[in-house]
Amino acid sequence: MADRIVAYALLTVSLLLIIAGSRSWMEKGFLMNNAYLYATKAERETMNKKPYYRQTAVIFFLLSMVFLLLGIAVLLNAGWLTHLAAVCILLAPVYAIISAVGIEKQKKQAEQDSHKGAKP
C-alpha cells in the first residue's frame, strides 16, 4: 500500500513537471531560470528570453522523466528503471552547463554583430 502512495506521488510530480515544462516551451508564465532571476530589472526588459525558456523546458522534461521512471519502477517493482532515471539525473546538469555556455556565446556574438553594424 505504501509503495502505491509513493508511486502515485512520484507520478504526480512528474505530471506537474511536464505541465511546467510545456508552459516554458510555449514561453508562457514565469521564467524559472537563474539568469532571469539574477538579472536586474533593466536587463530583464531587454533580455531575449526565448533561449532561457527553452533551457528551462528541457530541464523540466528531463526531471519529469526521472520522476516518471521512478514512479513506474516503484509500481512495477522494476529496479532496473532506476538506472535510466540516474542517466536522466546526470544529463540534466550536463545539459544545463552546455546550454548556458551556448547561450552566453550567442549573446556575445549578437553584441559583437550589433557593434560592427553600428560603426560606419
PDB file of N, CA and C in Angstrom:
ATOM      1  N   MET A   1       0.818  -1.195   0.000  1.00  0.00           N
ATOM      2  CA  MET A   1       0.000   0.000   0.000  1.00  0.00           C
ATOM      3  C   MET A   1       0.862   1.259   0.000  1.00  0.00           C
ATOM      4  N   ALA A   2       1.907   1.265   0.844  1.00  0.00           N
ATOM      5  CA  ALA A   2       2.800   2.427   0.912  1.00  0.00           C
ATOM      6  C   ALA A   2       3.521   2.625  -0.410  1.00  0.00           C
ATOM      7  N   ASP A   3       3.846   1.505  -1.101  1.00  0.00           N
ATOM      8  CA  ASP A   3       4.508   1.611  -2.401  1.00  0.00           C
ATOM      9  C   ASP A   3       3.635   2.345  -3.410  1.00  0.00           C
ATOM     10  N   ARG A   4       2.357   2.046  -3.389  1.00  0.00           N
ATOM     11  CA  ARG A   4       1.440   2.720  -4.319  1.00  0.00           C
ATOM     12  C   ARG A   4       1.338   4.211  -4.038  1.00  0.00           C
ATOM     13  N   ILE A   5       1.307   4.574  -2.781  1.00  0.00           N
ATOM     14  CA  ILE A   5       1.224   6.002  -2.424  1.00  0.00           C
ATOM     15  C   ILE A   5       2.473   6.730  -2.908  1.00  0.00           C
ATOM     16  N   VAL A   6       3.635   6.124  -2.680  1.00  0.00           N
ATOM     17  CA  VAL A   6       4.894   6.721  -3.142  1.00  0.00           C
ATOM     18  C   VAL A   6       4.897   6.812  -4.664  1.00  0.00           C
ATOM     19  N   ALA A   7       4.471   5.760  -5.329  1.00  0.00           N
ATOM     20  CA  ALA A   7       4.447   5.754  -6.792  1.00  0.00           C
ATOM     21  C   ALA A   7       3.516   6.836  -7.330  1.00  0.00           C
ATOM     22  N   TYR A   8       2.334   6.957  -6.748  1.00  0.00           N
ATOM     23  CA  TYR A   8       1.396   7.986  -7.207  1.00  0.00           C
ATOM     24  C   TYR A   8       1.932   9.389  -6.936  1.00  0.00           C
ATOM     25  N   ALA A   9       2.630   9.568  -5.821  1.00  0.00           N
ATOM     26  CA  ALA A   9       3.231  10.874  -5.533  1.00  0.00           C
ATOM     27  C   ALA A   9       4.311  11.198  -6.573  1.00  0.00           C
ATOM     28  N   LEU A  10       5.141  10.211  -6.914  1.00  0.00           N
ATOM     29  CA  LEU A  10       6.181  10.414  -7.926  1.00  0.00           C
ATOM     30  C   LEU A  10       5.563  10.713  -9.294  1.00  0.00           C
ATOM     31  N   LEU A  11       4.511  10.005  -9.643  1.00  0.00           N
ATOM     32  CA  LEU A  11       3.851  10.231 -10.931  1.00  0.00           C
ATOM     33  C   LEU A  11       3.166  11.600 -10.969  1.00  0.00           C
ATOM     34  N   THR A  12       2.643  12.035  -9.834  1.00  0.00           N
ATOM     35  CA  THR A  12       2.022  13.366  -9.762  1.00  0.00           C
ATOM     36  C   THR A  12       3.072  14.466  -9.964  1.00  0.00           C
ATOM     37  N   VAL A  13       4.218  14.310  -9.321  1.00  0.00           N
ATOM     38  CA  VAL A  13       5.302  15.286  -9.505  1.00  0.00           C
ATOM     39  C   VAL A  13       5.747  15.293 -10.961  1.00  0.00           C
ATOM     40  N   SER A  14       5.817  14.121 -11.568  1.00  0.00           N
ATOM     41  CA  SER A  14       6.178  14.032 -12.980  1.00  0.00           C
ATOM     42  C   SER A  14       5.185  14.798 -13.851  1.00  0.00           C
ATOM     43  N   LEU A  15       3.920  14.628 -13.583  1.00  0.00           N
ATOM     44  CA  LEU A  15       2.882  15.329 -14.346  1.00  0.00           C
ATOM     45  C   LEU A  15       2.995  16.846 -14.169  1.00  0.00           C
ATOM     46  N   LEU A  16       3.232  17.291 -12.937  1.00  0.00           N
ATOM     47  CA  LEU A  16       3.379  18.723 -12.686  1.00  0.00           C
ATOM     48  C   LEU A  16       4.597  19.293 -13.420  1.00  0.00           C
ATOM     49  N   LEU A  17       5.680  18.530 -13.476  1.00  0.00           N
ATOM     50  CA  LEU A  17       6.869  18.979 -14.198  1.00  0.00           C
ATOM     51  C   LEU A  17       6.629  19.011 -15.703  1.00  0.00           C
ATOM     52  N   ILE A  18       5.844  18.081 -16.223  1.00  0.00           N
ATOM     53  CA  ILE A  18       5.502  18.106 -17.646  1.00  0.00           C
ATOM     54  C   ILE A  18       4.674  19.347 -17.965  1.00  0.00           C
ATOM     55  N   ILE A  19       3.750  19.679 -17.091  1.00  0.00           N
ATOM     56  CA  ILE A  19       2.935  20.884 -17.301  1.00  0.00           C
ATOM     57  C   ILE A  19       3.819  22.128 -17.259  1.00  0.00           C
ATOM     58  N   ALA A  20       4.703  22.215 -16.267  1.00  0.00           N
ATOM     59  CA  ALA A  20       5.601  23.370 -16.172  1.00  0.00           C
ATOM     60  C   ALA A  20       6.529  23.440 -17.376  1.00  0.00           C
ATOM     61  N   GLY A  21       7.034  22.294 -17.825  1.00  0.00           N
ATOM     62  CA  GLY A  21       7.899  22.266 -18.997  1.00  0.00           C
ATOM     63  C   GLY A  21       7.169  22.677 -20.260  1.00  0.00           C
ATOM     64  N   SER A  22       5.922  22.257 -20.394  1.00  0.00           N
ATOM     65  CA  SER A  22       5.123  22.635 -21.563  1.00  0.00           C
ATOM     66  C   SER A  22       4.866  24.132 -21.584  1.00  0.00           C
ATOM     67  N   ARG A  23       4.583  24.698 -20.433  1.00  0.00           N
ATOM     68  CA  ARG A  23       4.359  26.148 -20.362  1.00  0.00           C
ATOM     69  C   ARG A  23       5.642  26.905 -20.689  1.00  0.00           C
ATOM     70  N   SER A  24       6.772  26.398 -20.233  1.00  0.00           N
ATOM     71  CA  SER A  24       8.038  27.039 -20.566  1.00  0.00           C
ATOM     72  C   SER A  24       8.330  26.921 -22.055  1.00  0.00           C
ATOM     73  N   TRP A  25       8.024  25.762 -22.634  1.00  0.00           N
ATOM     74  CA  TRP A  25       8.251  25.553 -24.065  1.00  0.00           C
ATOM     75  C   TRP A  25       7.425  26.542 -24.894  1.00  0.00           C
ATOM     76  N   MET A  26       6.216  26.844 -24.418  1.00  0.00           N
ATOM     77  CA  MET A  26       5.347  27.802 -25.114  1.00  0.00           C
ATOM     78  C   MET A  26       5.680  29.248 -24.738  1.00  0.00           C
ATOM     79  N   GLU A  27       6.703  29.427 -23.878  1.00  0.00           N
ATOM     80  CA  GLU A  27       7.139  30.740 -23.405  1.00  0.00           C
ATOM     81  C   GLU A  27       6.019  31.478 -22.681  1.00  0.00           C
ATOM     82  N   LYS A  28       5.313  30.765 -21.843  1.00  0.00           N
ATOM     83  CA  LYS A  28       4.231  31.346 -21.051  1.00  0.00           C
ATOM     84  C   LYS A  28       4.556  31.180 -19.581  1.00  0.00           C
ATOM     85  N   GLY A  29       4.073  32.107 -18.798  1.00  0.00           N
ATOM     86  CA  GLY A  29       4.244  32.020 -17.356  1.00  0.00           C
ATOM     87  C   GLY A  29       5.575  32.569 -16.893  1.00  0.00           C
ATOM     88  N   PHE A  30       5.813  32.387 -15.621  1.00  0.00           N
ATOM     89  CA  PHE A  30       7.028  32.909 -15.001  1.00  0.00           C
ATOM     90  C   PHE A  30       8.237  32.136 -15.502  1.00  0.00           C
ATOM     91  N   LEU A  31       9.302  32.836 -15.821  1.00  0.00           N
ATOM     92  CA  LEU A  31      10.542  32.211 -16.279  1.00  0.00           C
ATOM     93  C   LEU A  31      11.367  31.799 -15.069  1.00  0.00           C
ATOM     94  N   MET A  32      11.424  30.512 -14.806  1.00  0.00           N
ATOM     95  CA  MET A  32      12.159  29.987 -13.659  1.00  0.00           C
ATOM     96  C   MET A  32      13.577  29.603 -14.095  1.00  0.00           C
ATOM     97  N   ASN A  33      14.397  30.615 -14.316  1.00  0.00           N
ATOM     98  CA  ASN A  33      15.760  30.403 -14.763  1.00  0.00           C
ATOM     99  C   ASN A  33      16.659  31.357 -13.987  1.00  0.00           C
ATOM    100  N   ASN A  34      17.797  30.865 -13.530  1.00  0.00           N
ATOM    101  CA  ASN A  34      18.696  31.689 -12.720  1.00  0.00           C
ATOM    102  C   ASN A  34      19.156  32.941 -13.451  1.00  0.00           C
ATOM    103  N   ALA A  35      19.422  32.833 -14.743  1.00  0.00           N
ATOM    104  CA  ALA A  35      19.876  34.003 -15.500  1.00  0.00           C
ATOM    105  C   ALA A  35      18.831  35.112 -15.440  1.00  0.00           C
ATOM    106  N   TYR A  36      17.575  34.732 -15.503  1.00  0.00           N
ATOM    107  CA  TYR A  36      16.494  35.716 -15.432  1.00  0.00           C
ATOM    108  C   TYR A  36      16.302  36.211 -14.000  1.00  0.00           C
ATOM    109  N   LEU A  37      16.341  35.306 -13.051  1.00  0.00           N
ATOM    110  CA  LEU A  37      16.098  35.676 -11.655  1.00  0.00           C
ATOM    111  C   LEU A  37      17.178  36.609 -11.112  1.00  0.00           C
ATOM    112  N   TYR A  38      18.419  36.412 -11.539  1.00  0.00           N
ATOM    113  CA  TYR A  38      19.515  37.246 -11.045  1.00  0.00           C
ATOM    114  C   TYR A  38      19.735  38.510 -11.872  1.00  0.00           C
ATOM    115  N   ALA A  39      19.043  38.634 -12.984  1.00  0.00           N
ATOM    116  CA  ALA A  39      19.195  39.823 -13.823  1.00  0.00           C
ATOM    117  C   ALA A  39      18.504  41.016 -13.162  1.00  0.00           C
ATOM    118  N   THR A  40      19.041  42.199 -13.434  1.00  0.00           N
ATOM    119  CA  THR A  40      18.408  43.410 -12.925  1.00  0.00           C
ATOM    120  C   THR A  40      17.131  43.669 -13.714  1.00  0.00           C
ATOM    121  N   LYS A  41      16.332  44.566 -13.205  1.00  0.00           N
ATOM    122  CA  LYS A  41      15.070  44.876 -13.873  1.00  0.00           C
ATOM    123  C   LYS A  41      15.309  45.410 -15.287  1.00  0.00           C
ATOM    124  N   ALA A  42      16.337  46.233 -15.465  1.00  0.00           N
ATOM    125  CA  ALA A  42      16.658  46.774 -16.791  1.00  0.00           C
ATOM    126  C   ALA A  42      17.112  45.664 -17.734  1.00  0.00           C
ATOM    127  N   GLU A  43      17.911  44.729 -17.225  1.00  0.00           N
ATOM    128  CA  GLU A  43      18.375  43.605 -18.053  1.00  0.00           C
ATOM    129  C   GLU A  43      17.209  42.698 -18.449  1.00  0.00           C
ATOM    130  N   ARG A  44      16.271  42.492 -17.534  1.00  0.00           N
ATOM    131  CA  ARG A  44      15.116  41.640 -17.833  1.00  0.00           C
ATOM    132  C   ARG A  44      14.285  42.190 -18.977  1.00  0.00           C
ATOM    133  N   GLU A  45      14.181  43.527 -19.046  1.00  0.00           N
ATOM    134  CA  GLU A  45      13.352  44.136 -20.090  1.00  0.00           C
ATOM    135  C   GLU A  45      13.976  43.994 -21.475  1.00  0.00           C
ATOM    136  N   THR A  46      15.304  43.977 -21.558  1.00  0.00           N
ATOM    137  CA  THR A  46      15.972  43.885 -22.855  1.00  0.00           C
ATOM    138  C   THR A  46      16.422  42.469 -23.185  1.00  0.00           C
ATOM    139  N   MET A  47      16.285  41.555 -22.256  1.00  0.00           N
ATOM    140  CA  MET A  47      16.773  40.187 -22.418  1.00  0.00           C
ATOM    141  C   MET A  47      15.946  39.402 -23.433  1.00  0.00           C
ATOM    142  N   ASN A  48      16.643  38.627 -24.270  1.00  0.00           N
ATOM    143  CA  ASN A  48      15.968  37.673 -25.153  1.00  0.00           C
ATOM    144  C   ASN A  48      15.668  36.429 -24.309  1.00  0.00           C
ATOM    145  N   LYS A  49      14.413  36.250 -23.948  1.00  0.00           N
ATOM    146  CA  LYS A  49      14.031  35.203 -23.010  1.00  0.00           C
ATOM    147  C   LYS A  49      13.864  33.827 -23.655  1.00  0.00           C
ATOM    148  N   LYS A  50      13.768  33.773 -24.977  1.00  0.00           N
ATOM    149  CA  LYS A  50      13.482  32.513 -25.664  1.00  0.00           C
ATOM    150  C   LYS A  50      14.476  31.397 -25.319  1.00  0.00           C
ATOM    151  N   PRO A  51      15.803  31.625 -25.386  1.00  0.00           N
ATOM    152  CA  PRO A  51      16.704  30.514 -25.052  1.00  0.00           C
ATOM    153  C   PRO A  51      16.605  30.072 -23.595  1.00  0.00           C
ATOM    154  N   TYR A  52      16.270  31.003 -22.713  1.00  0.00           N
ATOM    155  CA  TYR A  52      16.140  30.641 -21.306  1.00  0.00           C
ATOM    156  C   TYR A  52      14.866  29.828 -21.051  1.00  0.00           C
ATOM    157  N   TYR A  53      13.787  30.182 -21.746  1.00  0.00           N
ATOM    158  CA  TYR A  53      12.572  29.369 -21.658  1.00  0.00           C
ATOM    159  C   TYR A  53      12.843  27.953 -22.172  1.00  0.00           C
ATOM    160  N   ARG A  54      13.568  27.847 -23.289  1.00  0.00           N
ATOM    161  CA  ARG A  54      13.879  26.526 -23.851  1.00  0.00           C
ATOM    162  C   ARG A  54      14.723  25.712 -22.882  1.00  0.00           C
ATOM    163  N   GLN A  55      15.747  26.340 -22.332  1.00  0.00           N
ATOM    164  CA  GLN A  55      16.616  25.645 -21.386  1.00  0.00           C
ATOM    165  C   GLN A  55      15.808  25.139 -20.192  1.00  0.00           C
ATOM    166  N   THR A  56      14.951  25.977 -19.660  1.00  0.00           N
ATOM    167  CA  THR A  56      14.112  25.606 -18.521  1.00  0.00           C
ATOM    168  C   THR A  56      13.174  24.458 -18.888  1.00  0.00           C
ATOM    169  N   ALA A  57      12.592  24.519 -20.085  1.00  0.00           N
ATOM    170  CA  ALA A  57      11.671  23.466 -20.515  1.00  0.00           C
ATOM    171  C   ALA A  57      12.378  22.118 -20.614  1.00  0.00           C
ATOM    172  N   VAL A  58      13.566  22.098 -21.200  1.00  0.00           N
ATOM    173  CA  VAL A  58      14.297  20.829 -21.338  1.00  0.00           C
ATOM    174  C   VAL A  58      14.645  20.259 -19.973  1.00  0.00           C
ATOM    175  N   ILE A  59      15.069  21.115 -19.057  1.00  0.00           N
ATOM    176  CA  ILE A  59      15.396  20.640 -17.709  1.00  0.00           C
ATOM    177  C   ILE A  59      14.147  20.079 -17.028  1.00  0.00           C
ATOM    178  N   PHE A  60      13.028  20.779 -17.149  1.00  0.00           N
ATOM    179  CA  PHE A  60      11.783  20.261 -16.562  1.00  0.00           C
ATOM    180  C   PHE A  60      11.398  18.914 -17.175  1.00  0.00           C
ATOM    181  N   PHE A  61      11.559  18.765 -18.484  1.00  0.00           N
ATOM    182  CA  PHE A  61      11.219  17.497 -19.117  1.00  0.00           C
ATOM    183  C   PHE A  61      12.157  16.373 -18.657  1.00  0.00           C
ATOM    184  N   LEU A  62      13.436  16.677 -18.511  1.00  0.00           N
ATOM    185  CA  LEU A  62      14.365  15.659 -18.003  1.00  0.00           C
ATOM    186  C   LEU A  62      13.998  15.254 -16.576  1.00  0.00           C
ATOM    187  N   LEU A  63      13.682  16.231 -15.750  1.00  0.00           N
ATOM    188  CA  LEU A  63      13.300  15.910 -14.369  1.00  0.00           C
ATOM    189  C   LEU A  63      11.971  15.161 -14.314  1.00  0.00           C
ATOM    190  N   SER A  64      11.054  15.487 -15.225  1.00  0.00           N
ATOM    191  CA  SER A  64       9.792  14.746 -15.255  1.00  0.00           C
ATOM    192  C   SER A  64      10.041  13.287 -15.632  1.00  0.00           C
ATOM    193  N   MET A  65      11.019  13.062 -16.519  1.00  0.00           N
ATOM    194  CA  MET A  65      11.357  11.680 -16.875  1.00  0.00           C
ATOM    195  C   MET A  65      11.915  10.935 -15.673  1.00  0.00           C
ATOM    196  N   VAL A  66      12.697  11.623 -14.850  1.00  0.00           N
ATOM    197  CA  VAL A  66      13.251  10.996 -13.646  1.00  0.00           C
ATOM    198  C   VAL A  66      12.116  10.521 -12.747  1.00  0.00           C
ATOM    199  N   PHE A  67      11.175  11.423 -12.456  1.00  0.00           N
ATOM    200  CA  PHE A  67      10.076  11.057 -11.556  1.00  0.00           C
ATOM    201  C   PHE A  67       9.151  10.024 -12.182  1.00  0.00           C
ATOM    202  N   LEU A  68       8.942  10.102 -13.486  1.00  0.00           N
ATOM    203  CA  LEU A  68       8.121   9.110 -14.167  1.00  0.00           C
ATOM    204  C   LEU A  68       8.764   7.725 -14.078  1.00  0.00           C
ATOM    205  N   LEU A  69      10.057   7.649 -14.379  1.00  0.00           N
ATOM    206  CA  LEU A  69      10.754   6.362 -14.309  1.00  0.00           C
ATOM    207  C   LEU A  69      10.775   5.804 -12.893  1.00  0.00           C
ATOM    208  N   LEU A  70      10.994   6.675 -11.917  1.00  0.00           N
ATOM    209  CA  LEU A  70      11.000   6.201 -10.532  1.00  0.00           C
ATOM    210  C   LEU A  70       9.608   5.744 -10.091  1.00  0.00           C
ATOM    211  N   GLY A  71       8.578   6.474 -10.511  1.00  0.00           N
ATOM    212  CA  GLY A  71       7.214   6.067 -10.174  1.00  0.00           C
ATOM    213  C   GLY A  71       6.857   4.722 -10.783  1.00  0.00           C
ATOM    214  N   ILE A  72       7.218   4.528 -12.046  1.00  0.00           N
ATOM    215  CA  ILE A  72       6.950   3.238 -12.699  1.00  0.00           C
ATOM    216  C   ILE A  72       7.775   2.133 -12.048  1.00  0.00           C
ATOM    217  N   ALA A  73       9.019   2.439 -11.681  1.00  0.00           N
ATOM    218  CA  ALA A  73       9.867   1.440 -11.025  1.00  0.00           C
ATOM    219  C   ALA A  73       9.262   0.982  -9.709  1.00  0.00           C
ATOM    220  N   VAL A  74       8.688   1.908  -8.954  1.00  0.00           N
ATOM    221  CA  VAL A  74       8.066   1.538  -7.679  1.00  0.00           C
ATOM    222  C   VAL A  74       6.798   0.727  -7.929  1.00  0.00           C
ATOM    223  N   LEU A  75       5.979   1.178  -8.901  1.00  0.00           N
ATOM    224  CA  LEU A  75       4.726   0.464  -9.194  1.00  0.00           C
ATOM    225  C   LEU A  75       4.972  -0.960  -9.672  1.00  0.00           C
ATOM    226  N   LEU A  76       5.922  -1.124 -10.577  1.00  0.00           N
ATOM    227  CA  LEU A  76       6.167  -2.432 -11.192  1.00  0.00           C
ATOM    228  C   LEU A  76       7.264  -3.226 -10.510  1.00  0.00           C
ATOM    229  N   ASN A  77       7.858  -2.639  -9.467  1.00  0.00           N
ATOM    230  CA  ASN A  77       8.976  -3.281  -8.777  1.00  0.00           C
ATOM    231  C   ASN A  77      10.085  -3.631  -9.769  1.00  0.00           C
ATOM    232  N   ALA A  78      10.385  -2.661 -10.639  1.00  0.00           N
ATOM    233  CA  ALA A  78      11.407  -2.842 -11.675  1.00  0.00           C
ATOM    234  C   ALA A  78      12.593  -1.941 -11.341  1.00  0.00           C
ATOM    235  N   GLY A  79      13.515  -2.468 -10.566  1.00  0.00           N
ATOM    236  CA  GLY A  79      14.659  -1.695 -10.111  1.00  0.00           C
ATOM    237  C   GLY A  79      15.559  -1.201 -11.228  1.00  0.00           C
ATOM    238  N   TRP A  80      15.551  -1.903 -12.342  1.00  0.00           N
ATOM    239  CA  TRP A  80      16.421  -1.506 -13.447  1.00  0.00           C
ATOM    240  C   TRP A  80      16.040  -0.141 -14.020  1.00  0.00           C
ATOM    241  N   LEU A  81      14.800   0.299 -13.808  1.00  0.00           N
ATOM    242  CA  LEU A  81      14.393   1.616 -14.299  1.00  0.00           C
ATOM    243  C   LEU A  81      15.084   2.741 -13.540  1.00  0.00           C
ATOM    244  N   THR A  82      15.544   2.440 -12.334  1.00  0.00           N
ATOM    245  CA  THR A  82      16.255   3.472 -11.581  1.00  0.00           C
ATOM    246  C   THR A  82      17.578   3.828 -12.258  1.00  0.00           C
ATOM    247  N   HIS A  83      18.155   2.903 -13.019  1.00  0.00           N
ATOM    248  CA  HIS A  83      19.383   3.199 -13.760  1.00  0.00           C
ATOM    249  C   HIS A  83      19.112   4.205 -14.870  1.00  0.00           C
ATOM    250  N   LEU A  84      17.963   4.069 -15.523  1.00  0.00           N
ATOM    251  CA  LEU A  84      17.589   5.044 -16.551  1.00  0.00           C
ATOM    252  C   LEU A  84      17.326   6.414 -15.913  1.00  0.00           C
ATOM    253  N   ALA A  85      16.709   6.400 -14.745  1.00  0.00           N
ATOM    254  CA  ALA A  85      16.474   7.654 -14.027  1.00  0.00           C
ATOM    255  C   ALA A  85      17.797   8.315 -13.652  1.00  0.00           C
ATOM    256  N   ALA A  86      18.771   7.508 -13.263  1.00  0.00           N
ATOM    257  CA  ALA A  86      20.090   8.047 -12.912  1.00  0.00           C
ATOM    258  C   ALA A  86      20.751   8.701 -14.124  1.00  0.00           C
ATOM    259  N   VAL A  87      20.570   8.118 -15.291  1.00  0.00           N
ATOM    260  CA  VAL A  87      21.119   8.716 -16.513  1.00  0.00           C
ATOM    261  C   VAL A  87      20.482  10.081 -16.754  1.00  0.00           C
ATOM    262  N   CYS A  88      19.172  10.174 -16.576  1.00  0.00           N
ATOM    263  CA  CYS A  88      18.484  11.467 -16.746  1.00  0.00           C
ATOM    264  C   CYS A  88      18.967  12.482 -15.722  1.00  0.00           C
ATOM    265  N   ILE A  89      19.212  12.026 -14.504  1.00  0.00           N
ATOM    266  CA  ILE A  89      19.710  12.914 -13.455  1.00  0.00           C
ATOM    267  C   ILE A  89      21.092  13.448 -13.839  1.00  0.00           C
ATOM    268  N   LEU A  90      21.923  12.600 -14.415  1.00  0.00           N
ATOM    269  CA  LEU A  90      23.259  13.039 -14.823  1.00  0.00           C
ATOM    270  C   LEU A  90      23.207  13.940 -16.058  1.00  0.00           C
ATOM    271  N   LEU A  91      22.252  13.704 -16.935  1.00  0.00           N
ATOM    272  CA  LEU A  91      22.143  14.517 -18.144  1.00  0.00           C
ATOM    273  C   LEU A  91      21.672  15.941 -17.852  1.00  0.00           C
ATOM    274  N   ALA A  92      20.858  16.119 -16.831  1.00  0.00           N
ATOM    275  CA  ALA A  92      20.283  17.440 -16.543  1.00  0.00           C
ATOM    276  C   ALA A  92      21.354  18.507 -16.279  1.00  0.00           C
ATOM    277  N   PRO A  93      22.285  18.318 -15.350  1.00  0.00           N
ATOM    278  CA  PRO A  93      23.285  19.369 -15.148  1.00  0.00           C
ATOM    279  C   PRO A  93      24.254  19.517 -16.320  1.00  0.00           C
ATOM    280  N   VAL A  94      24.549  18.403 -16.993  1.00  0.00           N
ATOM    281  CA  VAL A  94      25.420  18.491 -18.171  1.00  0.00           C
ATOM    282  C   VAL A  94      24.760  19.356 -19.235  1.00  0.00           C
ATOM    283  N   TYR A  95      23.482  19.099 -19.489  1.00  0.00           N
ATOM    284  CA  TYR A  95      22.761  19.925 -20.466  1.00  0.00           C
ATOM    285  C   TYR A  95      22.697  21.375 -20.012  1.00  0.00           C
ATOM    286  N   ALA A  96      22.421  21.608 -18.739  1.00  0.00           N
ATOM    287  CA  ALA A  96      22.296  22.975 -18.228  1.00  0.00           C
ATOM    288  C   ALA A  96      23.599  23.750 -18.429  1.00  0.00           C
ATOM    289  N   ILE A  97      24.724  23.121 -18.158  1.00  0.00           N
ATOM    290  CA  ILE A  97      26.016  23.800 -18.311  1.00  0.00           C
ATOM    291  C   ILE A  97      26.309  24.061 -19.785  1.00  0.00           C
ATOM    292  N   ILE A  98      26.122  23.044 -20.623  1.00  0.00           N
ATOM    293  CA  ILE A  98      26.412  23.205 -22.051  1.00  0.00           C
ATOM    294  C   ILE A  98      25.504  24.264 -22.668  1.00  0.00           C
ATOM    295  N   SER A  99      24.225  24.249 -22.328  1.00  0.00           N
ATOM    296  CA  SER A  99      23.315  25.225 -22.920  1.00  0.00           C
ATOM    297  C   SER A  99      23.580  26.629 -22.386  1.00  0.00           C
ATOM    298  N   ALA A 100      23.972  26.753 -21.121  1.00  0.00           N
ATOM    299  CA  ALA A 100      24.296  28.075 -20.570  1.00  0.00           C
ATOM    300  C   ALA A 100      25.506  28.672 -21.291  1.00  0.00           C
ATOM    301  N   VAL A 101      26.507  27.847 -21.558  1.00  0.00           N
ATOM    302  CA  VAL A 101      27.678  28.322 -22.302  1.00  0.00           C
ATOM    303  C   VAL A 101      27.268  28.723 -23.717  1.00  0.00           C
ATOM    304  N   GLY A 102      26.420  27.921 -24.343  1.00  0.00           N
ATOM    305  CA  GLY A 102      25.946  28.245 -25.689  1.00  0.00           C
ATOM    306  C   GLY A 102      25.153  29.537 -25.737  1.00  0.00           C
ATOM    307  N   ILE A 103      24.310  29.752 -24.748  1.00  0.00           N
ATOM    308  CA  ILE A 103      23.514  30.988 -24.694  1.00  0.00           C
ATOM    309  C   ILE A 103      24.427  32.192 -24.531  1.00  0.00           C
ATOM    310  N   GLU A 104      25.441  32.068 -23.674  1.00  0.00           N
ATOM    311  CA  GLU A 104      26.379  33.182 -23.475  1.00  0.00           C
ATOM    312  C   GLU A 104      27.173  33.471 -24.751  1.00  0.00           C
ATOM    313  N   LYS A 105      27.572  32.432 -25.465  1.00  0.00           N
ATOM    314  CA  LYS A 105      28.285  32.631 -26.732  1.00  0.00           C
ATOM    315  C   LYS A 105      27.400  33.348 -27.743  1.00  0.00           C
ATOM    316  N   GLN A 106      26.145  32.936 -27.824  1.00  0.00           N
ATOM    317  CA  GLN A 106      25.213  33.592 -28.750  1.00  0.00           C
ATOM    318  C   GLN A 106      25.005  35.048 -28.369  1.00  0.00           C
ATOM    319  N   LYS A 107      24.919  35.316 -27.067  1.00  0.00           N
ATOM    320  CA  LYS A 107      24.714  36.683 -26.599  1.00  0.00           C
ATOM    321  C   LYS A 107      25.920  37.558 -26.951  1.00  0.00           C
ATOM    322  N   LYS A 108      27.127  37.031 -26.731  1.00  0.00           N
ATOM    323  CA  LYS A 108      28.335  37.792 -27.058  1.00  0.00           C
ATOM    324  C   LYS A 108      28.457  38.002 -28.567  1.00  0.00           C
ATOM    325  N   GLN A 109      28.104  36.993 -29.348  1.00  0.00           N
ATOM    326  CA  GLN A 109      28.153  37.122 -30.803  1.00  0.00           C
ATOM    327  C   GLN A 109      27.164  38.179 -31.280  1.00  0.00           C
ATOM    328  N   ALA A 110      25.982  38.200 -30.701  1.00  0.00           N
ATOM    329  CA  ALA A 110      24.983  39.202 -31.076  1.00  0.00           C
ATOM    330  C   ALA A 110      25.454  40.608 -30.705  1.00  0.00           C
ATOM    331  N   GLU A 111      26.131  40.743 -29.552  1.00  0.00           N
ATOM    332  CA  GLU A 111      26.665  42.045 -29.159  1.00  0.00           C
ATOM    333  C   GLU A 111      27.756  42.503 -30.115  1.00  0.00           C
ATOM    334  N   GLN A 112      28.629  41.576 -30.524  1.00  0.00           N
ATOM    335  CA  GLN A 112      29.696  41.929 -31.472  1.00  0.00           C
ATOM    336  C   GLN A 112      29.107  42.323 -32.815  1.00  0.00           C
ATOM    337  N   ASP A 113      28.097  41.586 -33.259  1.00  0.00           N
ATOM    338  CA  ASP A 113      27.469  41.914 -34.531  1.00  0.00           C
ATOM    339  C   ASP A 113      26.786  43.268 -34.486  1.00  0.00           C
ATOM    340  N   SER A 114      26.163  43.598 -33.358  1.00  0.00           N
ATOM    341  CA  SER A 114      25.500  44.894 -33.251  1.00  0.00           C
ATOM    342  C   SER A 114      26.511  46.044 -33.209  1.00  0.00           C
ATOM    343  N   HIS A 115      27.686  45.790 -32.605  1.00  0.00           N
ATOM    344  CA  HIS A 115      28.724  46.818 -32.562  1.00  0.00           C
ATOM    345  C   HIS A 115      29.336  47.022 -33.947  1.00  0.00           C
ATOM    346  N   LYS A 116      29.493  45.951 -34.700  1.00  0.00           N
ATOM    347  CA  LYS A 116      30.039  46.068 -36.061  1.00  0.00           C
ATOM    348  C   LYS A 116      29.085  46.835 -36.962  1.00  0.00           C
ATOM    349  N   GLY A 117      27.800  46.600 -36.790  1.00  0.00           N
ATOM    350  CA  GLY A 117      26.798  47.276 -37.601  1.00  0.00           C
ATOM    351  C   GLY A 117      26.663  48.738 -37.254  1.00  0.00           C
ATOM    352  N   ALA A 118      27.003  49.109 -36.025  1.00  0.00           N
ATOM    353  CA  ALA A 118      26.853  50.496 -35.586  1.00  0.00           C
ATOM    354  C   ALA A 118      27.996  51.377 -36.079  1.00  0.00           C
ATOM    355  N   LYS A 119      29.166  50.785 -36.350  1.00  0.00           N
ATOM    356  CA  LYS A 119      30.309  51.558 -36.816  1.00  0.00           C
ATOM    357  C   LYS A 119      30.196  51.797 -38.332  1.00  0.00           C
ATOM    358  N   PRO A 120      30.395  53.066 -38.778  1.00  0.00           N
ATOM    359  CA  PRO A 120      30.335  53.325 -40.222  1.00  0.00           C
ATOM    360  C   PRO A 120      31.580  52.882 -40.951  1.00  0.00           C
TER     361      PRO A 120
END
